[in-house]
N, C-alpha and C. Protein backbone atom coordinates (compact mmCIF):
# COMPACT_ATOMS: atom_id res chain seq x y z
N MET A 1 -13.94 -91.11 34.07
CA MET A 1 -12.96 -92.10 34.48
C MET A 1 -11.98 -91.49 35.48
N ASN A 2 -11.78 -92.18 36.58
CA ASN A 2 -10.77 -91.79 37.55
C ASN A 2 -9.74 -92.90 37.65
N ILE A 3 -8.51 -92.52 37.91
CA ILE A 3 -7.43 -93.48 38.14
C ILE A 3 -6.87 -93.17 39.51
N ILE A 4 -6.90 -94.17 40.39
CA ILE A 4 -6.41 -93.99 41.75
C ILE A 4 -5.06 -94.69 41.87
N LEU A 5 -4.03 -93.92 42.17
CA LEU A 5 -2.68 -94.47 42.34
C LEU A 5 -2.41 -94.67 43.81
N PHE A 6 -1.97 -95.87 44.16
CA PHE A 6 -1.61 -96.13 45.55
C PHE A 6 -0.38 -97.02 45.58
N GLY A 7 0.25 -97.04 46.73
CA GLY A 7 1.46 -97.82 46.90
C GLY A 7 2.24 -97.25 48.08
N PHE A 8 3.37 -97.84 48.34
CA PHE A 8 4.17 -97.46 49.50
C PHE A 8 4.75 -96.06 49.34
N LYS A 9 5.05 -95.42 50.45
CA LYS A 9 5.67 -94.10 50.45
C LYS A 9 6.90 -94.10 49.54
N ASN A 10 7.04 -93.05 48.76
CA ASN A 10 8.18 -92.83 47.86
C ASN A 10 8.19 -93.74 46.63
N CYS A 11 7.04 -94.31 46.27
CA CYS A 11 7.00 -95.13 45.05
C CYS A 11 6.74 -94.27 43.82
N GLY A 12 6.40 -93.01 44.00
CA GLY A 12 6.22 -92.11 42.86
C GLY A 12 4.79 -91.75 42.54
N LYS A 13 3.87 -91.93 43.46
CA LYS A 13 2.45 -91.68 43.19
C LYS A 13 2.18 -90.25 42.71
N THR A 14 2.75 -89.29 43.41
CA THR A 14 2.49 -87.89 43.06
C THR A 14 3.17 -87.52 41.74
N THR A 15 4.42 -87.85 41.61
CA THR A 15 5.16 -87.53 40.37
C THR A 15 4.50 -88.18 39.16
N LEU A 16 4.25 -89.48 39.26
CA LEU A 16 3.64 -90.20 38.15
C LEU A 16 2.20 -89.75 37.92
N GLY A 17 1.50 -89.45 39.01
CA GLY A 17 0.12 -88.99 38.89
C GLY A 17 0.00 -87.69 38.11
N LYS A 18 0.87 -86.76 38.40
CA LYS A 18 0.85 -85.48 37.67
C LYS A 18 1.15 -85.70 36.19
N LEU A 19 2.15 -86.52 35.91
CA LEU A 19 2.52 -86.80 34.52
C LEU A 19 1.39 -87.52 33.78
N LEU A 20 0.78 -88.50 34.45
CA LEU A 20 -0.32 -89.26 33.85
C LEU A 20 -1.52 -88.35 33.58
N ALA A 21 -1.84 -87.51 34.54
CA ALA A 21 -2.97 -86.58 34.37
C ALA A 21 -2.74 -85.66 33.17
N THR A 22 -1.53 -85.16 33.04
CA THR A 22 -1.20 -84.30 31.90
C THR A 22 -1.34 -85.07 30.59
N LYS A 23 -0.78 -86.27 30.55
CA LYS A 23 -0.81 -87.08 29.33
C LYS A 23 -2.24 -87.43 28.92
N LEU A 24 -3.11 -87.71 29.89
CA LEU A 24 -4.48 -88.12 29.60
C LEU A 24 -5.47 -86.96 29.62
N ASN A 25 -4.96 -85.77 29.86
CA ASN A 25 -5.79 -84.57 29.93
C ASN A 25 -6.87 -84.71 31.02
N LEU A 26 -6.43 -85.17 32.19
CA LEU A 26 -7.31 -85.32 33.34
C LEU A 26 -6.86 -84.37 34.44
N ASP A 27 -7.74 -84.14 35.40
CA ASP A 27 -7.36 -83.35 36.57
C ASP A 27 -6.47 -84.21 37.47
N PHE A 28 -5.81 -83.56 38.43
CA PHE A 28 -4.96 -84.29 39.37
C PHE A 28 -5.26 -83.85 40.79
N ILE A 29 -5.38 -84.83 41.69
CA ILE A 29 -5.57 -84.57 43.11
C ILE A 29 -4.59 -85.43 43.89
N ASP A 30 -3.95 -84.82 44.87
CA ASP A 30 -3.09 -85.55 45.79
C ASP A 30 -3.78 -85.49 47.16
N THR A 31 -4.15 -86.65 47.70
CA THR A 31 -4.88 -86.64 48.97
C THR A 31 -4.03 -86.11 50.12
N ASP A 32 -2.72 -86.23 50.04
CA ASP A 32 -1.87 -85.65 51.08
C ASP A 32 -1.99 -84.12 51.08
N ASP A 33 -2.07 -83.52 49.89
CA ASP A 33 -2.26 -82.06 49.80
C ASP A 33 -3.60 -81.66 50.40
N LEU A 34 -4.64 -82.45 50.07
CA LEU A 34 -5.97 -82.16 50.63
C LEU A 34 -5.96 -82.26 52.15
N LEU A 35 -5.25 -83.26 52.66
CA LEU A 35 -5.17 -83.47 54.10
C LEU A 35 -4.47 -82.29 54.78
N ALA A 36 -3.38 -81.84 54.21
CA ALA A 36 -2.65 -80.70 54.79
C ALA A 36 -3.52 -79.44 54.78
N LYS A 37 -4.28 -79.25 53.70
CA LYS A 37 -5.18 -78.08 53.62
C LYS A 37 -6.30 -78.19 54.66
N ARG A 38 -6.84 -79.39 54.79
CA ARG A 38 -7.92 -79.61 55.77
C ARG A 38 -7.42 -79.36 57.19
N TYR A 39 -6.22 -79.84 57.48
CA TYR A 39 -5.63 -79.61 58.81
C TYR A 39 -5.48 -78.12 59.07
N GLN A 40 -5.00 -77.40 58.07
CA GLN A 40 -4.81 -75.95 58.22
C GLN A 40 -6.15 -75.25 58.47
N GLU A 41 -7.20 -75.68 57.75
CA GLU A 41 -8.53 -75.10 57.96
C GLU A 41 -9.03 -75.36 59.38
N LYS A 42 -8.82 -76.57 59.86
CA LYS A 42 -9.33 -76.96 61.18
C LYS A 42 -8.54 -76.36 62.33
N TYR A 43 -7.21 -76.36 62.19
CA TYR A 43 -6.35 -76.02 63.32
C TYR A 43 -5.56 -74.72 63.13
N LYS A 44 -5.79 -74.06 62.01
CA LYS A 44 -5.15 -72.76 61.73
C LYS A 44 -3.63 -72.83 61.80
N GLU A 45 -3.09 -73.96 61.35
CA GLU A 45 -1.64 -74.15 61.35
C GLU A 45 -1.27 -74.93 60.09
N SER A 46 -0.24 -74.46 59.40
CA SER A 46 0.21 -75.11 58.18
C SER A 46 1.36 -76.06 58.49
N LEU A 47 1.10 -77.37 58.29
CA LEU A 47 2.10 -78.39 58.58
C LEU A 47 2.17 -79.40 57.44
N SER A 48 3.27 -80.13 57.38
CA SER A 48 3.40 -81.22 56.42
C SER A 48 2.58 -82.41 56.92
N THR A 49 2.29 -83.35 56.04
CA THR A 49 1.55 -84.54 56.48
C THR A 49 2.34 -85.31 57.54
N GLN A 50 3.65 -85.30 57.42
CA GLN A 50 4.50 -85.98 58.41
C GLN A 50 4.31 -85.34 59.79
N GLN A 51 4.33 -84.02 59.83
CA GLN A 51 4.14 -83.31 61.10
C GLN A 51 2.73 -83.56 61.65
N ILE A 52 1.75 -83.57 60.76
CA ILE A 52 0.37 -83.81 61.17
C ILE A 52 0.23 -85.21 61.78
N TYR A 53 0.86 -86.19 61.14
CA TYR A 53 0.82 -87.56 61.65
C TYR A 53 1.41 -87.64 63.05
N LYS A 54 2.54 -86.96 63.24
CA LYS A 54 3.20 -86.96 64.56
C LYS A 54 2.30 -86.34 65.63
N ILE A 55 1.63 -85.26 65.28
CA ILE A 55 0.78 -84.55 66.25
C ILE A 55 -0.50 -85.34 66.54
N LEU A 56 -1.16 -85.81 65.50
CA LEU A 56 -2.46 -86.46 65.67
C LEU A 56 -2.37 -87.93 66.06
N GLY A 57 -1.30 -88.59 65.63
CA GLY A 57 -1.23 -90.04 65.80
C GLY A 57 -1.99 -90.71 64.66
N GLU A 58 -1.80 -92.01 64.52
CA GLU A 58 -2.35 -92.70 63.35
C GLU A 58 -3.87 -92.67 63.27
N ILE A 59 -4.56 -92.91 64.36
CA ILE A 59 -6.02 -93.01 64.31
C ILE A 59 -6.66 -91.69 63.89
N LYS A 60 -6.27 -90.60 64.53
CA LYS A 60 -6.84 -89.29 64.18
C LYS A 60 -6.38 -88.84 62.80
N PHE A 61 -5.15 -89.22 62.42
CA PHE A 61 -4.66 -88.90 61.08
C PHE A 61 -5.53 -89.59 60.03
N ARG A 62 -5.83 -90.87 60.23
CA ARG A 62 -6.69 -91.61 59.28
C ARG A 62 -8.09 -91.04 59.25
N ASP A 63 -8.59 -90.56 60.40
CA ASP A 63 -9.90 -89.92 60.43
C ASP A 63 -9.90 -88.65 59.57
N LEU A 64 -8.86 -87.86 59.70
CA LEU A 64 -8.74 -86.64 58.89
C LEU A 64 -8.61 -87.01 57.41
N GLU A 65 -7.88 -88.07 57.14
CA GLU A 65 -7.73 -88.54 55.76
C GLU A 65 -9.10 -88.93 55.18
N LYS A 66 -9.92 -89.59 55.99
CA LYS A 66 -11.28 -89.95 55.54
C LYS A 66 -12.09 -88.70 55.22
N GLU A 67 -11.90 -87.66 56.01
CA GLU A 67 -12.63 -86.40 55.77
C GLU A 67 -12.33 -85.83 54.39
N VAL A 68 -11.12 -86.05 53.89
CA VAL A 68 -10.78 -85.50 52.57
C VAL A 68 -11.06 -86.51 51.45
N ILE A 69 -11.11 -87.79 51.77
CA ILE A 69 -11.40 -88.79 50.75
C ILE A 69 -12.89 -88.91 50.49
N ASN A 70 -13.72 -88.79 51.53
CA ASN A 70 -15.18 -88.92 51.36
C ASN A 70 -15.74 -88.02 50.24
N PRO A 71 -15.39 -86.74 50.19
CA PRO A 71 -15.94 -85.88 49.12
C PRO A 71 -15.45 -86.26 47.71
N LEU A 72 -14.44 -87.09 47.62
CA LEU A 72 -13.95 -87.50 46.29
C LEU A 72 -14.93 -88.43 45.59
N ALA A 73 -15.95 -88.88 46.30
CA ALA A 73 -16.97 -89.75 45.71
C ALA A 73 -17.64 -89.09 44.50
N HIS A 74 -17.53 -87.78 44.39
CA HIS A 74 -18.19 -87.05 43.30
C HIS A 74 -17.22 -86.56 42.23
N VAL A 75 -15.96 -86.93 42.35
CA VAL A 75 -14.93 -86.49 41.41
C VAL A 75 -14.98 -87.33 40.12
N GLU A 76 -14.76 -86.67 39.01
CA GLU A 76 -14.71 -87.38 37.72
C GLU A 76 -13.52 -86.90 36.92
N ASN A 77 -13.04 -87.76 36.03
CA ASN A 77 -11.95 -87.43 35.11
C ASN A 77 -10.71 -86.91 35.84
N THR A 78 -10.27 -87.69 36.81
CA THR A 78 -9.18 -87.25 37.67
C THR A 78 -8.23 -88.41 37.98
N VAL A 79 -6.95 -88.07 38.06
CA VAL A 79 -5.96 -88.99 38.59
C VAL A 79 -5.79 -88.60 40.06
N ILE A 80 -5.93 -89.58 40.95
CA ILE A 80 -5.84 -89.32 42.38
C ILE A 80 -4.65 -90.09 42.94
N ALA A 81 -3.70 -89.36 43.53
CA ALA A 81 -2.57 -89.97 44.21
C ALA A 81 -2.92 -90.00 45.70
N THR A 82 -2.86 -91.18 46.28
CA THR A 82 -3.23 -91.32 47.69
C THR A 82 -1.99 -91.35 48.57
N GLY A 83 -2.20 -91.09 49.85
CA GLY A 83 -1.13 -91.29 50.82
C GLY A 83 -0.86 -92.78 50.94
N GLY A 84 0.35 -93.15 51.30
CA GLY A 84 0.73 -94.55 51.35
C GLY A 84 -0.14 -95.43 52.23
N GLY A 85 -0.67 -94.87 53.30
CA GLY A 85 -1.48 -95.66 54.22
C GLY A 85 -2.97 -95.44 54.09
N SER A 86 -3.38 -94.57 53.18
CA SER A 86 -4.81 -94.22 53.10
C SER A 86 -5.69 -95.40 52.76
N VAL A 87 -5.19 -96.33 51.97
CA VAL A 87 -6.01 -97.49 51.60
C VAL A 87 -6.03 -98.56 52.69
N MET A 88 -5.36 -98.30 53.80
CA MET A 88 -5.43 -99.23 54.93
C MET A 88 -6.77 -99.08 55.66
N ASP A 89 -7.47 -98.00 55.38
CA ASP A 89 -8.78 -97.76 55.95
C ASP A 89 -9.85 -98.30 54.99
N LYS A 90 -10.69 -99.19 55.47
CA LYS A 90 -11.68 -99.85 54.62
C LYS A 90 -12.68 -98.86 54.01
N GLU A 91 -13.12 -97.87 54.80
CA GLU A 91 -14.08 -96.88 54.28
C GLU A 91 -13.48 -96.06 53.14
N SER A 92 -12.24 -95.61 53.35
CA SER A 92 -11.57 -94.83 52.31
C SER A 92 -11.38 -95.68 51.05
N THR A 93 -10.97 -96.92 51.24
CA THR A 93 -10.76 -97.81 50.10
C THR A 93 -12.05 -98.04 49.34
N LYS A 94 -13.15 -98.23 50.05
CA LYS A 94 -14.44 -98.46 49.40
C LYS A 94 -14.82 -97.27 48.51
N ILE A 95 -14.65 -96.06 49.03
CA ILE A 95 -14.96 -94.86 48.24
C ILE A 95 -14.08 -94.82 47.00
N LEU A 96 -12.78 -95.02 47.19
CA LEU A 96 -11.85 -94.95 46.07
C LEU A 96 -12.15 -96.02 45.01
N LYS A 97 -12.45 -97.23 45.45
CA LYS A 97 -12.77 -98.32 44.52
C LYS A 97 -14.04 -98.01 43.73
N ASN A 98 -14.98 -97.33 44.37
CA ASN A 98 -16.25 -97.01 43.70
C ASN A 98 -16.10 -95.93 42.64
N ILE A 99 -15.06 -95.13 42.73
CA ILE A 99 -14.96 -94.01 41.78
C ILE A 99 -13.89 -94.20 40.71
N GLY A 100 -13.08 -95.25 40.80
CA GLY A 100 -12.05 -95.37 39.77
C GLY A 100 -11.29 -96.68 39.80
N LYS A 101 -10.35 -96.78 38.90
CA LYS A 101 -9.48 -97.95 38.79
C LYS A 101 -8.36 -97.84 39.82
N MET A 102 -8.21 -98.87 40.61
CA MET A 102 -7.20 -98.91 41.66
C MET A 102 -5.89 -99.44 41.08
N VAL A 103 -4.91 -98.55 40.94
CA VAL A 103 -3.63 -98.90 40.32
C VAL A 103 -2.55 -98.91 41.40
N TYR A 104 -2.00 -100.08 41.63
CA TYR A 104 -0.94 -100.29 42.62
C TYR A 104 0.41 -100.09 41.95
N LEU A 105 1.13 -99.06 42.37
CA LEU A 105 2.50 -98.82 41.90
C LEU A 105 3.41 -99.64 42.81
N LYS A 106 3.78 -100.80 42.32
CA LYS A 106 4.49 -101.78 43.13
C LYS A 106 6.00 -101.67 42.91
N ALA A 107 6.70 -101.65 44.02
CA ALA A 107 8.16 -101.59 43.97
C ALA A 107 8.73 -102.62 44.94
N PRO A 108 9.90 -103.14 44.63
CA PRO A 108 10.52 -104.11 45.54
C PRO A 108 10.76 -103.49 46.92
N LYS A 109 10.63 -104.33 47.92
CA LYS A 109 10.80 -103.88 49.31
C LYS A 109 12.15 -103.18 49.51
N GLN A 110 13.21 -103.73 48.97
CA GLN A 110 14.53 -103.15 49.18
C GLN A 110 14.63 -101.74 48.60
N LEU A 111 14.04 -101.52 47.43
CA LEU A 111 14.04 -100.19 46.82
C LEU A 111 13.29 -99.20 47.70
N MET A 112 12.14 -99.60 48.20
CA MET A 112 11.35 -98.71 49.06
C MET A 112 12.11 -98.41 50.35
N LYS A 113 12.75 -99.42 50.90
CA LYS A 113 13.53 -99.24 52.13
C LYS A 113 14.66 -98.25 51.90
N GLU A 114 15.37 -98.39 50.80
CA GLU A 114 16.48 -97.48 50.48
C GLU A 114 15.98 -96.05 50.30
N ARG A 115 14.89 -95.88 49.57
CA ARG A 115 14.34 -94.54 49.34
C ARG A 115 13.90 -93.89 50.64
N ILE A 116 13.22 -94.65 51.47
CA ILE A 116 12.71 -94.10 52.73
C ILE A 116 13.84 -93.78 53.70
N PHE A 117 14.81 -94.67 53.82
CA PHE A 117 15.90 -94.45 54.76
C PHE A 117 16.87 -93.39 54.28
N ALA A 118 16.84 -93.05 53.00
CA ALA A 118 17.72 -92.02 52.45
C ALA A 118 17.26 -90.61 52.84
N GLY A 119 15.98 -90.48 53.18
CA GLY A 119 15.43 -89.17 53.54
C GLY A 119 15.13 -89.09 55.02
N LYS A 120 14.31 -88.10 55.36
CA LYS A 120 13.87 -87.95 56.75
C LYS A 120 12.97 -89.12 57.10
N LEU A 121 13.19 -89.72 58.23
CA LEU A 121 12.44 -90.90 58.64
C LEU A 121 10.95 -90.56 58.79
N PRO A 122 10.09 -91.31 58.10
CA PRO A 122 8.65 -91.03 58.20
C PRO A 122 8.12 -91.26 59.62
N ALA A 123 7.09 -90.53 59.94
CA ALA A 123 6.51 -90.59 61.29
C ALA A 123 5.93 -91.97 61.61
N PHE A 124 5.55 -92.73 60.59
CA PHE A 124 4.95 -94.03 60.86
C PHE A 124 5.97 -95.11 61.23
N LEU A 125 7.27 -94.80 61.13
CA LEU A 125 8.30 -95.75 61.53
C LEU A 125 8.80 -95.45 62.94
N ASP A 126 9.15 -96.50 63.64
CA ASP A 126 9.70 -96.39 64.98
C ASP A 126 11.19 -96.04 64.86
N ALA A 127 11.57 -94.86 65.31
CA ALA A 127 12.97 -94.40 65.19
C ALA A 127 13.93 -95.29 65.96
N LYS A 128 13.43 -95.97 67.00
CA LYS A 128 14.30 -96.83 67.81
C LYS A 128 14.63 -98.14 67.11
N ASP A 129 13.75 -98.57 66.21
CA ASP A 129 14.00 -99.80 65.46
C ASP A 129 13.39 -99.65 64.08
N LYS A 130 13.98 -98.77 63.30
CA LYS A 130 13.39 -98.43 62.00
C LYS A 130 13.34 -99.62 61.05
N ALA A 131 14.35 -100.48 61.08
CA ALA A 131 14.37 -101.63 60.16
C ALA A 131 13.21 -102.59 60.45
N ALA A 132 13.02 -102.93 61.71
CA ALA A 132 11.94 -103.85 62.08
C ALA A 132 10.57 -103.23 61.83
N SER A 133 10.42 -101.95 62.15
CA SER A 133 9.12 -101.32 61.94
C SER A 133 8.83 -101.19 60.44
N PHE A 134 9.86 -100.92 59.63
CA PHE A 134 9.67 -100.88 58.18
C PHE A 134 9.18 -102.24 57.68
N GLU A 135 9.85 -103.31 58.11
CA GLU A 135 9.48 -104.67 57.67
C GLU A 135 8.02 -104.97 57.99
N LYS A 136 7.61 -104.64 59.20
CA LYS A 136 6.24 -104.91 59.63
C LYS A 136 5.23 -104.12 58.81
N ILE A 137 5.47 -102.83 58.67
CA ILE A 137 4.54 -101.97 57.94
C ILE A 137 4.51 -102.35 56.46
N TYR A 138 5.67 -102.63 55.88
CA TYR A 138 5.70 -103.02 54.47
C TYR A 138 4.89 -104.30 54.26
N ALA A 139 5.09 -105.29 55.12
CA ALA A 139 4.37 -106.56 54.99
C ALA A 139 2.86 -106.35 55.12
N ASN A 140 2.43 -105.56 56.11
CA ASN A 140 1.00 -105.29 56.31
C ASN A 140 0.40 -104.58 55.10
N ARG A 141 1.09 -103.55 54.65
CA ARG A 141 0.55 -102.77 53.54
C ARG A 141 0.56 -103.56 52.23
N GLU A 142 1.63 -104.31 52.00
CA GLU A 142 1.70 -105.06 50.74
C GLU A 142 0.55 -106.06 50.63
N THR A 143 0.19 -106.68 51.74
CA THR A 143 -0.93 -107.62 51.74
C THR A 143 -2.22 -106.91 51.33
N VAL A 144 -2.47 -105.75 51.91
CA VAL A 144 -3.67 -104.98 51.56
C VAL A 144 -3.58 -104.48 50.12
N TYR A 145 -2.44 -103.93 49.74
CA TYR A 145 -2.27 -103.42 48.38
C TYR A 145 -2.57 -104.51 47.34
N ASP A 146 -2.02 -105.69 47.56
CA ASP A 146 -2.24 -106.80 46.62
C ASP A 146 -3.71 -107.18 46.54
N THR A 147 -4.40 -107.10 47.67
CA THR A 147 -5.81 -107.48 47.74
C THR A 147 -6.72 -106.51 47.00
N ILE A 148 -6.44 -105.22 47.11
CA ILE A 148 -7.36 -104.22 46.53
C ILE A 148 -6.99 -103.78 45.12
N ALA A 149 -5.82 -104.16 44.66
CA ALA A 149 -5.36 -103.71 43.34
C ALA A 149 -6.20 -104.30 42.22
N GLU A 150 -6.65 -103.43 41.32
CA GLU A 150 -7.28 -103.89 40.09
C GLU A 150 -6.22 -104.00 39.00
N ILE A 151 -5.23 -103.13 39.11
CA ILE A 151 -4.13 -103.08 38.15
C ILE A 151 -2.84 -102.95 38.95
N VAL A 152 -1.84 -103.74 38.59
CA VAL A 152 -0.53 -103.66 39.25
C VAL A 152 0.50 -103.25 38.20
N VAL A 153 1.28 -102.23 38.54
CA VAL A 153 2.35 -101.78 37.66
C VAL A 153 3.65 -101.79 38.46
N GLU A 154 4.56 -102.64 38.04
CA GLU A 154 5.89 -102.69 38.67
C GLU A 154 6.67 -101.47 38.22
N ILE A 155 7.27 -100.75 39.17
CA ILE A 155 7.95 -99.51 38.80
C ILE A 155 9.46 -99.65 38.65
N ILE A 156 10.02 -100.80 38.96
CA ILE A 156 11.47 -100.94 38.94
C ILE A 156 12.00 -101.02 37.51
N ALA A 157 13.14 -100.40 37.29
CA ALA A 157 13.87 -100.44 36.01
C ALA A 157 13.05 -99.95 34.83
N LYS A 158 12.20 -98.95 35.09
CA LYS A 158 11.40 -98.34 34.03
C LYS A 158 11.49 -96.83 34.15
N THR A 159 11.42 -96.17 33.02
CA THR A 159 11.36 -94.71 33.04
C THR A 159 9.94 -94.29 33.43
N ASN A 160 9.79 -93.05 33.84
CA ASN A 160 8.45 -92.54 34.14
C ASN A 160 7.54 -92.69 32.94
N GLU A 161 8.06 -92.42 31.76
CA GLU A 161 7.26 -92.52 30.53
C GLU A 161 6.79 -93.96 30.30
N GLU A 162 7.67 -94.92 30.55
CA GLU A 162 7.29 -96.34 30.39
C GLU A 162 6.21 -96.73 31.41
N ILE A 163 6.34 -96.25 32.61
CA ILE A 163 5.35 -96.55 33.65
C ILE A 163 4.00 -95.95 33.28
N ILE A 164 4.01 -94.70 32.84
CA ILE A 164 2.78 -94.02 32.45
C ILE A 164 2.11 -94.75 31.29
N GLN A 165 2.91 -95.16 30.32
CA GLN A 165 2.36 -95.89 29.17
C GLN A 165 1.75 -97.21 29.61
N GLU A 166 2.41 -97.89 30.55
CA GLU A 166 1.88 -99.16 31.06
C GLU A 166 0.57 -98.95 31.82
N ILE A 167 0.51 -97.90 32.63
CA ILE A 167 -0.74 -97.61 33.35
C ILE A 167 -1.85 -97.35 32.35
N LYS A 168 -1.58 -96.49 31.38
CA LYS A 168 -2.58 -96.15 30.36
C LYS A 168 -3.06 -97.40 29.64
N SER A 169 -2.14 -98.23 29.21
CA SER A 169 -2.48 -99.45 28.48
C SER A 169 -3.33 -100.39 29.34
N LYS A 170 -2.94 -100.59 30.59
CA LYS A 170 -3.68 -101.51 31.46
C LYS A 170 -5.05 -100.95 31.84
N VAL A 171 -5.15 -99.64 32.03
CA VAL A 171 -6.44 -99.04 32.31
C VAL A 171 -7.36 -99.20 31.10
N ASP A 172 -6.82 -98.96 29.90
CA ASP A 172 -7.61 -99.12 28.68
C ASP A 172 -8.11 -100.56 28.53
N LYS A 173 -7.23 -101.53 28.79
CA LYS A 173 -7.61 -102.96 28.69
C LYS A 173 -8.64 -103.33 29.74
N HIS A 174 -8.50 -102.75 30.91
CA HIS A 174 -9.37 -103.07 32.03
C HIS A 174 -10.78 -102.50 31.84
N GLY A 175 -10.89 -101.53 30.96
CA GLY A 175 -12.19 -100.91 30.68
C GLY A 175 -12.45 -99.72 31.56
N ASN A 176 -13.24 -98.80 31.05
CA ASN A 176 -13.53 -97.57 31.78
C ASN A 176 -14.74 -97.72 32.64
């Protein structure tokens, strides 16, 4: 059984994924970590995913992301935290859907906006009009997220433990 966590940037995929994997005694993979390692192997330079996105641009970034998601087709007993935009690619989504339960960590738009704007501006936002670009990207991604989700877990006003318990319960009900 694999559990694939996806959702908007800063919704807690990595943090919750690690906790969930520990609780369920499963392995944990973060596709952003795999992407950064793959970039380092290819280009002999260690960069963050944000820096990689800026250098490669969205299309080449998504291609590199596919390179690290494709081999996951053989992974078992793992919680996989995806990058926020990785499921925007149909090929990547197909692989992920085939290997596990797609769990959407859903958060209100305003919460995501506050979290994102509180830190360093992500490369996928237009610095000249960050509010408008956020609105557009959030709307596009939310539509896709809602479409591919097998399980939806609202993360607002819940502790990490409550969220993990809800994921576990819904995955159990949904069947392995």
